[in-house]
Amino acid sequence: NCVSACDKNPSYVHMNQPVITDLYERHGKDFNFLGCIIT
């Protein structure tokens, strides 16, 4: 996509998805991370 550069997710960001990464870091400690729903 060519959406505004400030808030597009380049492929690099998807591959390093920070929300997923952070959820894994707290998984089993603060909550049970079940997975993702893409929409």
Full PDB file with SEQRES, HELIX, SHEET, SSBOND, CRYST1, ORIGX, SCALE, CONECT and MASTER records, all heavy atoms in Angstrom:
SEQRES   1 A   39  ASN CYS VAL SER ALA CYS ASP LYS ASN PRO SER TYR VAL          
SEQRES   2 A   39  HIS MET ASN GLN PRO VAL ILE THR ASP LEU TYR GLU ARG          
SEQRES   3 A   39  HIS GLY LYS ASP PHE ASN PHE LEU GLY CYS ILE ILE THR          
HELIX    1 AA1 SER A   11  MET A   15  1                                   5    
HELIX    2 AA2 PRO A   18  ARG A   26  1                                   9    
CRYST1    1.000    1.000    1.000  90.00  90.00  90.00 P 1           1          
ORIGX1      1.000000  0.000000  0.000000        0.00000                         
ORIGX2      0.000000  1.000000  0.000000        0.00000                         
ORIGX3      0.000000  0.000000  1.000000        0.00000                         
SCALE1      1.000000  0.000000  0.000000        0.00000                         
SCALE2      0.000000  1.000000  0.000000        0.00000                         
SCALE3      0.000000  0.000000  1.000000        0.00000                         
ATOM      1  N   ASN A   1       0.791  -1.220   0.000  1.00  0.00           N  
ATOM      2  CA  ASN A   1       0.000   0.000   0.000  1.00  0.00           C  
ATOM      3  C   ASN A   1       0.829   1.278   0.000  1.00  0.00           C  
ATOM      4  O   ASN A   1       2.001   1.293   0.375  1.00  0.00           O  
ATOM      5  CB  ASN A   1      -1.011   0.007   1.161  1.00  0.00           C  
ATOM      6  CG  ASN A   1      -0.384  -0.101   2.533  1.00  0.00           C  
ATOM      7  OD1 ASN A   1       0.404   0.740   2.896  1.00  0.00           O  
ATOM      8  ND2 ASN A   1      -0.726  -1.136   3.300  1.00  0.00           N  
ATOM      9  N   CYS A   2       0.181   2.321  -0.449  1.00  0.00           N  
ATOM     10  CA  CYS A   2       0.772   3.658  -0.488  1.00  0.00           C  
ATOM     11  C   CYS A   2       0.040   4.605   0.444  1.00  0.00           C  
ATOM     12  O   CYS A   2      -0.105   5.790   0.146  1.00  0.00           O  
ATOM     13  CB  CYS A   2       0.738   4.215  -1.915  1.00  0.00           C  
ATOM     14  SG  CYS A   2       1.670   3.279  -3.137  1.00  0.00           S  
ATOM     15  N   VAL A   3      -0.503   4.107   1.553  1.00  0.00           N  
ATOM     16  CA  VAL A   3      -1.144   4.993   2.523  1.00  0.00           C  
ATOM     17  C   VAL A   3      -0.090   5.897   3.151  1.00  0.00           C  
ATOM     18  O   VAL A   3       1.106   5.638   3.048  1.00  0.00           O  
ATOM     19  CB  VAL A   3      -1.902   4.208   3.604  1.00  0.00           C  
ATOM     20  CG1 VAL A   3      -3.042   3.440   2.987  1.00  0.00           C  
ATOM     21  CG2 VAL A   3      -0.985   3.281   4.377  1.00  0.00           C  
ATOM     22  N   SER A   4      -0.566   6.954   3.785  1.00  0.00           N  
ATOM     23  CA  SER A   4       0.353   7.940   4.357  1.00  0.00           C  
ATOM     24  C   SER A   4       1.499   7.257   5.087  1.00  0.00           C  
ATOM     25  O   SER A   4       1.296   6.358   5.913  1.00  0.00           O  
ATOM     26  CB  SER A   4      -0.396   8.871   5.298  1.00  0.00           C  
ATOM     27  OG  SER A   4      -1.270   9.713   4.568  1.00  0.00           O  
ATOM     28  N   ALA A   5       2.708   7.706   4.787  1.00  0.00           N  
ATOM     29  CA  ALA A   5       3.915   7.012   5.237  1.00  0.00           C  
ATOM     30  C   ALA A   5       3.996   6.875   6.747  1.00  0.00           C  
ATOM     31  O   ALA A   5       4.539   5.905   7.268  1.00  0.00           O  
ATOM     32  CB  ALA A   5       5.140   7.755   4.715  1.00  0.00           C  
ATOM     33  N   CYS A   6       3.448   7.847   7.460  1.00  0.00           N  
ATOM     34  CA  CYS A   6       3.589   7.866   8.910  1.00  0.00           C  
ATOM     35  C   CYS A   6       2.941   6.683   9.589  1.00  0.00           C  
ATOM     36  O   CYS A   6       3.428   6.210  10.627  1.00  0.00           O  
ATOM     37  CB  CYS A   6       3.021   9.171   9.484  1.00  0.00           C  
ATOM     38  SG  CYS A   6       1.248   9.368   9.165  1.00  0.00           S  
ATOM     39  N   ASP A   7       1.816   6.190   9.031  1.00  0.00           N  
ATOM     40  CA  ASP A   7       1.078   5.135   9.733  1.00  0.00           C  
ATOM     41  C   ASP A   7       0.826   3.894   8.891  1.00  0.00           C  
ATOM     42  O   ASP A   7       0.010   3.046   9.270  1.00  0.00           O  
ATOM     43  CB  ASP A   7      -0.230   5.656  10.316  1.00  0.00           C  
ATOM     44  CG  ASP A   7      -1.175   6.281   9.300  1.00  0.00           C  
ATOM     45  OD1 ASP A   7      -0.926   6.113   8.083  1.00  0.00           O  
ATOM     46  OD2 ASP A   7      -2.153   6.932   9.714  1.00  0.00           O  
ATOM     47  N   LYS A   8       1.503   3.758   7.759  1.00  0.00           N  
ATOM     48  CA  LYS A   8       1.433   2.486   7.056  1.00  0.00           C  
ATOM     49  C   LYS A   8       2.356   1.490   7.747  1.00  0.00           C  
ATOM     50  O   LYS A   8       3.334   1.859   8.393  1.00  0.00           O  
ATOM     51  CB  LYS A   8       1.835   2.642   5.586  1.00  0.00           C  
ATOM     52  CG  LYS A   8       3.324   2.826   5.344  1.00  0.00           C  
ATOM     53  CD  LYS A   8       3.669   2.789   3.883  1.00  0.00           C  
ATOM     54  CE  LYS A   8       3.688   1.386   3.334  1.00  0.00           C  
ATOM     55  NZ  LYS A   8       4.038   1.307   1.905  1.00  0.00           N  
ATOM     56  N   ASN A   9       2.026   0.230   7.622  1.00  0.00           N  
ATOM     57  CA  ASN A   9       2.874  -0.837   8.144  1.00  0.00           C  
ATOM     58  C   ASN A   9       3.692  -1.412   6.996  1.00  0.00           C  
ATOM     59  O   ASN A   9       3.184  -2.251   6.250  1.00  0.00           O  
ATOM     60  CB  ASN A   9       2.028  -1.938   8.792  1.00  0.00           C  
ATOM     61  CG  ASN A   9       1.323  -1.480  10.054  1.00  0.00           C  
ATOM     62  OD1 ASN A   9       1.857  -0.681  10.815  1.00  0.00           O  
ATOM     63  ND2 ASN A   9       0.116  -1.972  10.282  1.00  0.00           N  
ATOM     64  N   PRO A  10       4.942  -0.996   6.827  1.00  0.00           N  
ATOM     65  CA  PRO A  10       5.777  -1.667   5.825  1.00  0.00           C  
ATOM     66  C   PRO A  10       5.913  -3.149   6.152  1.00  0.00           C  
ATOM     67  O   PRO A  10       5.644  -3.588   7.282  1.00  0.00           O  
ATOM     68  CB  PRO A  10       7.132  -0.946   5.965  1.00  0.00           C  
ATOM     69  CG  PRO A  10       6.834   0.347   6.658  1.00  0.00           C  
ATOM     70  CD  PRO A  10       5.669   0.053   7.561  1.00  0.00           C  
ATOM     71  N   SER A  11       6.328  -3.925   5.169  1.00  0.00           N  
ATOM     72  CA  SER A  11       6.472  -5.365   5.382  1.00  0.00           C  
ATOM     73  C   SER A  11       7.390  -5.664   6.567  1.00  0.00           C  
ATOM     74  O   SER A  11       7.179  -6.628   7.319  1.00  0.00           O  
ATOM     75  CB  SER A  11       7.006  -6.030   4.115  1.00  0.00           C  
ATOM     76  OG  SER A  11       6.101  -5.835   3.035  1.00  0.00           O  
ATOM     77  N   TYR A  12       8.426  -4.862   6.767  1.00  0.00           N  
ATOM     78  CA  TYR A  12       9.348  -5.001   7.887  1.00  0.00           C  
ATOM     79  C   TYR A  12       8.598  -4.958   9.221  1.00  0.00           C  
ATOM     80  O   TYR A  12       8.904  -5.738  10.137  1.00  0.00           O  
ATOM     81  CB  TYR A  12      10.382  -3.862   7.834  1.00  0.00           C  
ATOM     82  CG  TYR A  12      11.509  -3.943   8.818  1.00  0.00           C  
ATOM     83  CD1 TYR A  12      12.801  -4.265   8.398  1.00  0.00           C  
ATOM     84  CD2 TYR A  12      11.334  -3.681  10.166  1.00  0.00           C  
ATOM     85  CE1 TYR A  12      13.853  -4.328   9.306  1.00  0.00           C  
ATOM     86  CE2 TYR A  12      12.378  -3.725  11.072  1.00  0.00           C  
ATOM     87  CZ  TYR A  12      13.637  -4.053  10.629  1.00  0.00           C  
ATOM     88  OH  TYR A  12      14.680  -4.111  11.521  1.00  0.00           O  
ATOM     89  N   VAL A  13       7.616  -4.057   9.324  1.00  0.00           N  
ATOM     90  CA  VAL A  13       6.863  -3.920  10.571  1.00  0.00           C  
ATOM     91  C   VAL A  13       5.984  -5.137  10.814  1.00  0.00           C  
ATOM     92  O   VAL A  13       5.873  -5.634  11.946  1.00  0.00           O  
ATOM     93  CB  VAL A  13       6.038  -2.614  10.556  1.00  0.00           C  
ATOM     94  CG1 VAL A  13       5.106  -2.551  11.768  1.00  0.00           C  
ATOM     95  CG2 VAL A  13       6.963  -1.406  10.531  1.00  0.00           C  
ATOM     96  N   HIS A  14       5.335  -5.645   9.761  1.00  0.00           N  
ATOM     97  CA  HIS A  14       4.563  -6.875   9.926  1.00  0.00           C  
ATOM     98  C   HIS A  14       5.456  -8.009  10.437  1.00  0.00           C  
ATOM     99  O   HIS A  14       5.071  -8.766  11.329  1.00  0.00           O  
ATOM    100  CB  HIS A  14       3.921  -7.286   8.599  1.00  0.00           C  
ATOM    101  CG  HIS A  14       2.807  -6.394   8.147  1.00  0.00           C  
ATOM    102  ND1 HIS A  14       1.638  -6.227   8.868  1.00  0.00           N  
ATOM    103  CD2 HIS A  14       2.676  -5.620   7.047  1.00  0.00           C  
ATOM    104  CE1 HIS A  14       0.839  -5.387   8.238  1.00  0.00           C  
ATOM    105  NE2 HIS A  14       1.444  -5.005   7.124  1.00  0.00           N  
ATOM    106  N   MET A  15       6.663  -8.120   9.875  1.00  0.00           N  
ATOM    107  CA  MET A  15       7.571  -9.210  10.245  1.00  0.00           C  
ATOM    108  C   MET A  15       8.130  -9.044  11.654  1.00  0.00           C  
ATOM    109  O   MET A  15       8.563 -10.026  12.272  1.00  0.00           O  
ATOM    110  CB  MET A  15       8.708  -9.294   9.228  1.00  0.00           C  
ATOM    111  CG  MET A  15       8.218  -9.558   7.804  1.00  0.00           C  
ATOM    112  SD  MET A  15       9.496  -9.332   6.548  1.00  0.00           S  
ATOM    113  CE  MET A  15      10.345 -10.891   6.693  1.00  0.00           C  
ATOM    114  N   ASN A  16       8.111  -7.822  12.168  1.00  0.00           N  
ATOM    115  CA  ASN A  16       8.571  -7.534  13.522  1.00  0.00           C  
ATOM    116  C   ASN A  16       7.421  -7.013  14.375  1.00  0.00           C  
ATOM    117  O   ASN A  16       7.634  -6.183  15.251  1.00  0.00           O  
ATOM    118  CB  ASN A  16       9.701  -6.499  13.501  1.00  0.00           C  
ATOM    119  CG  ASN A  16      10.989  -7.055  12.922  1.00  0.00           C  
ATOM    120  OD1 ASN A  16      11.795  -7.656  13.623  1.00  0.00           O  
ATOM    121  ND2 ASN A  16      11.195  -6.856  11.622  1.00  0.00           N  
ATOM    122  N   GLN A  17       6.224  -7.482  14.153  1.00  0.00           N  
ATOM    123  CA  GLN A  17       5.007  -6.924  14.710  1.00  0.00           C  
ATOM    124  C   GLN A  17       5.130  -6.683  16.224  1.00  0.00           C  
ATOM    125  O   GLN A  17       5.167  -7.615  17.028  1.00  0.00           O  
ATOM    126  CB  GLN A  17       3.854  -7.878  14.423  1.00  0.00           C  
ATOM    127  CG  GLN A  17       2.605  -7.218  13.855  1.00  0.00           C  
ATOM    128  CD  GLN A  17       1.848  -6.416  14.916  1.00  0.00           C  
ATOM    129  OE1 GLN A  17       2.122  -6.455  16.094  1.00  0.00           O  
ATOM    130  NE2 GLN A  17       0.832  -5.720  14.477  1.00  0.00           N  
ATOM    131  N   PRO A  18       5.206  -5.416  16.638  1.00  0.00           N  
ATOM    132  CA  PRO A  18       5.503  -5.126  18.043  1.00  0.00           C  
ATOM    133  C   PRO A  18       4.379  -5.465  19.015  1.00  0.00           C  
ATOM    134  O   PRO A  18       4.658  -5.811  20.166  1.00  0.00           O  
ATOM    135  CB  PRO A  18       5.800  -3.618  18.048  1.00  0.00           C  
ATOM    136  CG  PRO A  18       5.141  -3.094  16.829  1.00  0.00           C  
ATOM    137  CD  PRO A  18       5.178  -4.183  15.809  1.00  0.00           C  
ATOM    138  N   VAL A  19       3.112  -5.370  18.570  1.00  0.00           N  
ATOM    139  CA  VAL A  19       2.012  -5.745  19.460  1.00  0.00           C  
ATOM    140  C   VAL A  19       2.084  -7.238  19.763  1.00  0.00           C  
ATOM    141  O   VAL A  19       1.972  -7.669  20.919  1.00  0.00           O  
ATOM    142  CB  VAL A  19       0.647  -5.377  18.849  1.00  0.00           C  
ATOM    143  CG1 VAL A  19      -0.490  -5.847  19.765  1.00  0.00           C  
ATOM    144  CG2 VAL A  19       0.545  -3.871  18.605  1.00  0.00           C  
ATOM    145  N   ILE A  20       2.286  -8.030  18.719  1.00  0.00           N  
ATOM    146  CA  ILE A  20       2.413  -9.478  18.903  1.00  0.00           C  
ATOM    147  C   ILE A  20       3.618  -9.802  19.782  1.00  0.00           C  
ATOM    148  O   ILE A  20       3.535 -10.621  20.703  1.00  0.00           O  
ATOM    149  CB  ILE A  20       2.524 -10.183  17.542  1.00  0.00           C  
ATOM    150  CG1 ILE A  20       1.207 -10.060  16.778  1.00  0.00           C  
ATOM    151  CG2 ILE A  20       2.911 -11.652  17.720  1.00  0.00           C  
ATOM    152  CD1 ILE A  20       1.264 -10.617  15.358  1.00  0.00           C  
ATOM    153  N   THR A  21       4.738  -9.147  19.515  1.00  0.00           N  
ATOM    154  CA  THR A  21       5.953  -9.394  20.291  1.00  0.00           C  
ATOM    155  C   THR A  21       5.735  -9.082  21.769  1.00  0.00           C  
ATOM    156  O   THR A  21       6.132  -9.858  22.650  1.00  0.00           O  
ATOM    157  CB  THR A  21       7.121  -8.551  19.739  1.00  0.00           C  
ATOM    158  OG1 THR A  21       7.327  -8.871  18.355  1.00  0.00           O  
ATOM    159  CG2 THR A  21       8.402  -8.832  20.496  1.00  0.00           C  
ATOM    160  N   ASP A  22       5.108  -7.935  22.052  1.00  0.00           N  
ATOM    161  CA  ASP A  22       4.855  -7.555  23.438  1.00  0.00           C  
ATOM    162  C   ASP A  22       3.853  -8.496  24.113  1.00  0.00           C  
ATOM    163  O   ASP A  22       3.985  -8.818  25.299  1.00  0.00           O  
ATOM    164  CB  ASP A  22       4.353  -6.114  23.508  1.00  0.00           C  
ATOM    165  CG  ASP A  22       5.465  -5.100  23.372  1.00  0.00           C  
ATOM    166  OD1 ASP A  22       6.631  -5.508  23.194  1.00  0.00           O  
ATOM    167  OD2 ASP A  22       5.191  -3.875  23.432  1.00  0.00           O  
ATOM    168  N   LEU A  23       2.832  -8.929  23.359  1.00  0.00           N  
ATOM    169  CA  LEU A  23       1.861  -9.863  23.918  1.00  0.00           C  
ATOM    170  C   LEU A  23       2.530 -11.180  24.301  1.00  0.00           C  
ATOM    171  O   LEU A  23       2.227 -11.774  25.340  1.00  0.00           O  
ATOM    172  CB  LEU A  23       0.721 -10.100  22.932  1.00  0.00           C  
ATOM    173  CG  LEU A  23      -0.306  -8.965  22.808  1.00  0.00           C  
ATOM    174  CD1 LEU A  23      -1.225  -9.187  21.616  1.00  0.00           C  
ATOM    175  CD2 LEU A  23      -1.127  -8.834  24.082  1.00  0.00           C  
ATOM    176  N   TYR A  24       3.450 -11.640  23.474  1.00  0.00           N  
ATOM    177  CA  TYR A  24       4.204 -12.850  23.809  1.00  0.00           C  
ATOM    178  C   TYR A  24       5.059 -12.645  25.059  1.00  0.00           C  
ATOM    179  O   TYR A  24       5.220 -13.556  25.876  1.00  0.00           O  
ATOM    180  CB  TYR A  24       5.089 -13.270  22.642  1.00  0.00           C  
ATOM    181  CG  TYR A  24       4.462 -14.249  21.682  1.00  0.00           C  
ATOM    182  CD1 TYR A  24       4.428 -13.990  20.313  1.00  0.00           C  
ATOM    183  CD2 TYR A  24       3.933 -15.459  22.134  1.00  0.00           C  
ATOM    184  CE1 TYR A  24       3.867 -14.884  19.420  1.00  0.00           C  
ATOM    185  CE2 TYR A  24       3.364 -16.366  21.245  1.00  0.00           C  
ATOM    186  CZ  TYR A  24       3.338 -16.075  19.893  1.00  0.00           C  
ATOM    187  OH  TYR A  24       2.783 -16.970  19.012  1.00  0.00           O  
ATOM    188  N   GLU A  25       5.641 -11.459  25.215  1.00  0.00           N  
ATOM    189  CA  GLU A  25       6.489 -11.188  26.372  1.00  0.00           C  
ATOM    190  C   GLU A  25       5.702 -11.299  27.677  1.00  0.00           C  
ATOM    191  O   GLU A  25       6.238 -11.716  28.705  1.00  0.00           O  
ATOM    192  CB  GLU A  25       7.106  -9.783  26.263  1.00  0.00           C  
ATOM    193  CG  GLU A  25       8.186  -9.648  25.209  1.00  0.00           C  
ATOM    194  CD  GLU A  25       9.428 -10.460  25.519  1.00  0.00           C  
ATOM    195  OE1 GLU A  25       9.789 -10.542  26.716  1.00  0.00           O  
ATOM    196  OE2 GLU A  25      10.025 -11.035  24.588  1.00  0.00           O  
ATOM    197  N   ARG A  26       4.429 -10.935  27.645  1.00  0.00           N  
ATOM    198  CA  ARG A  26       3.603 -10.956  28.853  1.00  0.00           C  
ATOM    199  C   ARG A  26       2.721 -12.197  28.947  1.00  0.00           C  
ATOM    200  O   ARG A  26       2.022 -12.395  29.939  1.00  0.00           O  
ATOM    201  CB  ARG A  26       2.758  -9.687  28.901  1.00  0.00           C  
ATOM    202  CG  ARG A  26       3.588  -8.414  29.022  1.00  0.00           C  
ATOM    203  CD  ARG A  26       2.745  -7.170  28.951  1.00  0.00           C  
ATOM    204  NE  ARG A  26       1.798  -7.088  30.057  1.00  0.00           N  
ATOM    205  CZ  ARG A  26       0.908  -6.106  30.188  1.00  0.00           C  
ATOM    206  NH1 ARG A  26       0.857  -5.143  29.282  1.00  0.00           N  
ATOM    207  NH2 ARG A  26       0.075  -6.101  31.222  1.00  0.00           N  
ATOM    208  N   HIS A  27       2.783 -13.021  27.905  1.00  0.00           N  
ATOM    209  CA  HIS A  27       2.011 -14.262  27.872  1.00  0.00           C  
ATOM    210  C   HIS A  27       2.454 -15.208  28.983  1.00  0.00           C  
ATOM    211  O   HIS A  27       3.643 -15.456  29.177  1.00  0.00           O  
ATOM    212  CB  HIS A  27       2.191 -14.932  26.509  1.00  0.00           C  
ATOM    213  CG  HIS A  27       1.580 -16.284  26.390  1.00  0.00           C  
ATOM    214  ND1 HIS A  27       0.232 -16.511  26.525  1.00  0.00           N  
ATOM    215  CD2 HIS A  27       2.150 -17.497  26.134  1.00  0.00           C  
ATOM    216  CE1 HIS A  27      -0.014 -17.797  26.365  1.00  0.00           C  
ATOM    217  NE2 HIS A  27       1.121 -18.420  26.132  1.00  0.00           N  
ATOM    218  N   GLY A  28       1.477 -15.717  29.734  1.00  0.00           N  
ATOM    219  CA  GLY A  28       1.790 -16.622  30.838  1.00  0.00           C  
ATOM    220  C   GLY A  28       2.150 -15.905  32.123  1.00  0.00           C  
ATOM    221  O   GLY A  28       2.335 -16.549  33.163  1.00  0.00           O  
ATOM    222  N   LYS A  29       2.262 -14.572  32.064  1.00  0.00           N  
ATOM    223  CA  LYS A  29       2.570 -13.775  33.250  1.00  0.00           C  
ATOM    224  C   LYS A  29       1.357 -12.930  33.643  1.00  0.00           C  
ATOM    225  O   LYS A  29       0.850 -13.028  34.755  1.00  0.00           O  
ATOM    226  CB  LYS A  29       3.769 -12.863  32.978  1.00  0.00           C  
ATOM    227  CG  LYS A  29       5.032 -13.606  32.538  1.00  0.00           C  
ATOM    228  CD  LYS A  29       6.114 -12.640  32.087  1.00  0.00           C  
ATOM    229  CE  LYS A  29       7.304 -13.382  31.504  1.00  0.00           C  
ATOM    230  NZ  LYS A  29       8.324 -12.425  30.929  1.00  0.00           N  
ATOM    231  N   ASP A  30       0.913 -12.080  32.699  1.00  0.00           N  
ATOM    232  CA  ASP A  30      -0.213 -11.186  32.969  1.00  0.00           C  
ATOM    233  C   ASP A  30      -1.515 -11.673  32.337  1.00  0.00           C  
ATOM    234  O   ASP A  30      -2.599 -11.303  32.770  1.00  0.00           O  
ATOM    235  CB  ASP A  30       0.097  -9.781  32.451  1.00  0.00           C  
ATOM    236  CG  ASP A  30       1.350  -9.201  33.093  1.00  0.00           C  
ATOM    237  OD1 ASP A  30       1.423  -9.202  34.322  1.00  0.00           O  
ATOM    238  OD2 ASP A  30       2.250  -8.764  32.357  1.00  0.00           O  
ATOM    239  N   PHE A  31      -1.400 -12.441  31.258  1.00  0.00           N  
ATOM    240  CA  PHE A  31      -2.588 -12.925  30.562  1.00  0.00           C  
ATOM    241  C   PHE A  31      -2.240 -14.126  29.694  1.00  0.00           C  
ATOM    242  O   PHE A  31      -1.076 -14.504  29.569  1.00  0.00           O  
ATOM    243  CB  PHE A  31      -3.229 -11.816  29.704  1.00  0.00           C  
ATOM    244  CG  PHE A  31      -2.230 -11.004  28.925  1.00  0.00           C  
ATOM    245  CD1 PHE A  31      -1.559 -11.555  27.857  1.00  0.00           C  
ATOM    246  CD2 PHE A  31      -1.972  -9.691  29.269  1.00  0.00           C  
ATOM    247  CE1 PHE A  31      -0.641 -10.819  27.145  1.00  0.00           C  
ATOM    248  CE2 PHE A  31      -1.043  -8.936  28.559  1.00  0.00           C  
ATOM    249  CZ  PHE A  31      -0.384  -9.501  27.494  1.00  0.00           C  
ATOM    250  N   ASN A  32      -3.261 -14.707  29.118  1.00  0.00           N  
ATOM    251  CA  ASN A  32      -3.121 -15.844  28.213  1.00  0.00           C  
ATOM    252  C   ASN A  32      -3.401 -15.346  26.795  1.00  0.00           C  
ATOM    253  O   ASN A  32      -4.538 -15.064  26.443  1.00  0.00           O  
ATOM    254  CB  ASN A  32      -4.116 -16.943  28.612  1.00  0.00           C  
ATOM    255  CG  ASN A  32      -3.866 -18.258  27.884  1.00  0.00           C  
ATOM    256  OD1 ASN A  32      -3.119 -18.332  26.921  1.00  0.00           O  
ATOM    257  ND2 ASN A  32      -4.510 -19.318  28.374  1.00  0.00           N  
ATOM    258  N   PHE A  33      -2.365 -15.217  25.990  1.00  0.00           N  
ATOM    259  CA  PHE A  33      -2.473 -14.700  24.629  1.00  0.00           C  
ATOM    260  C   PHE A  33      -2.908 -15.831  23.699  1.00  0.00           C  
ATOM    261  O   PHE A  33      -2.154 -16.742  23.408  1.00  0.00           O  
ATOM    262  CB  PHE A  33      -1.129 -14.111  24.198  1.00  0.00           C  
ATOM    263  CG  PHE A  33      -1.066 -13.601  22.791  1.00  0.00           C  
ATOM    264  CD1 PHE A  33      -2.174 -13.026  22.177  1.00  0.00           C  
ATOM    265  CD2 PHE A  33       0.118 -13.670  22.060  1.00  0.00           C  
ATOM    266  CE1 PHE A  33      -2.119 -12.545  20.877  1.00  0.00           C  
ATOM    267  CE2 PHE A  33       0.191 -13.179  20.759  1.00  0.00           C  
ATOM    268  CZ  PHE A  33      -0.929 -12.634  20.164  1.00  0.00           C  
ATOM    269  N   LEU A  34      -4.162 -15.750  23.211  1.00  0.00           N  
ATOM    270  CA  LEU A  34      -4.738 -16.835  22.421  1.00  0.00           C  
ATOM    271  C   LEU A  34      -4.335 -16.789  20.946  1.00  0.00           C  
ATOM    272  O   LEU A  34      -4.294 -17.825  20.285  1.00  0.00           O  
ATOM    273  CB  LEU A  34      -6.264 -16.807  22.518  1.00  0.00           C  
ATOM    274  CG  LEU A  34      -6.878 -16.943  23.909  1.00  0.00           C  
ATOM    275  CD1 LEU A  34      -8.395 -16.992  23.805  1.00  0.00           C  
ATOM    276  CD2 LEU A  34      -6.356 -18.168  24.647  1.00  0.00           C  
ATOM    277  N   GLY A  35      -4.080 -15.596  20.410  1.00  0.00           N  
ATOM    278  CA  GLY A  35      -3.721 -15.478  18.994  1.00  0.00           C  
ATOM    279  C   GLY A  35      -4.314 -14.237  18.360  1.00  0.00           C  
ATOM    280  O   GLY A  35      -4.787 -13.325  19.048  1.00  0.00           O  
ATOM    281  N   CYS A  36      -4.299 -14.200  17.022  1.00  0.00           N  
ATOM    282  CA  CYS A  36      -4.691 -13.013  16.261  1.00  0.00           C  
ATOM    283  C   CYS A  36      -5.909 -13.287  15.382  1.00  0.00           C  
ATOM    284  O   CYS A  36      -6.042 -14.367  14.803  1.00  0.00           O  
ATOM    285  CB  CYS A  36      -3.562 -12.558  15.335  1.00  0.00           C  
ATOM    286  SG  CYS A  36      -2.013 -12.171  16.149  1.00  0.00           S  
ATOM    287  N   ILE A  37      -6.744 -12.289  15.283  1.00  0.00           N  
ATOM    288  CA  ILE A  37      -7.779 -12.255  14.261  1.00  0.00           C  
ATOM    289  C   ILE A  37      -7.404 -11.150  13.281  1.00  0.00           C  
ATOM    290  O   ILE A  37      -7.236  -9.996  13.675  1.00  0.00           O  
ATOM    291  CB  ILE A  37      -9.166 -11.971  14.861  1.00  0.00           C  
ATOM    292  CG1 ILE A  37      -9.603 -13.139  15.743  1.00  0.00           C  
ATOM    293  CG2 ILE A  37     -10.199 -11.722  13.763  1.00  0.00           C  
ATOM    294  CD1 ILE A  37     -10.829 -12.844  16.577  1.00  0.00           C  
ATOM    295  N   ILE A  38      -7.222 -11.505  12.019  1.00  0.00           N  
ATOM    296  CA  ILE A  38      -6.947 -10.484  11.015  1.00  0.00           C  
ATOM    297  C   ILE A  38      -8.251 -10.079  10.348  1.00  0.00           C  
ATOM    298  O   ILE A  38      -9.109 -10.917  10.059  1.00  0.00           O  
ATOM    299  CB  ILE A  38      -5.918 -10.955   9.960  1.00  0.00           C  
ATOM    300  CG1 ILE A  38      -6.332 -12.276   9.310  1.00  0.00           C  
ATOM    301  CG2 ILE A  38      -4.543 -11.081  10.591  1.00  0.00           C  
ATOM    302  CD1 ILE A  38      -5.432 -12.666   8.121  1.00  0.00           C  
ATOM    303  N   THR A  39      -8.419  -8.794  10.138  1.00  0.00           N  
ATOM    304  CA  THR A  39      -9.611  -8.274   9.487  1.00  0.00           C  
ATOM    305  C   THR A  39      -9.211  -7.151   8.548  1.00  0.00           C  
ATOM    306  O   THR A  39      -8.084  -6.644   8.613  1.00  0.00           O  
ATOM    307  CB  THR A  39     -10.656  -7.804  10.518  1.00  0.00           C  
ATOM    308  OG1 THR A  39     -11.859  -7.404   9.847  1.00  0.00           O  
ATOM    309  CG2 THR A  39     -10.149  -6.636  11.350  1.00  0.00           C  
TER     310      THR A  39                                                      
MASTER        0    0    0    2    0    0    0    6  309    1    0    3          
END                                                                             
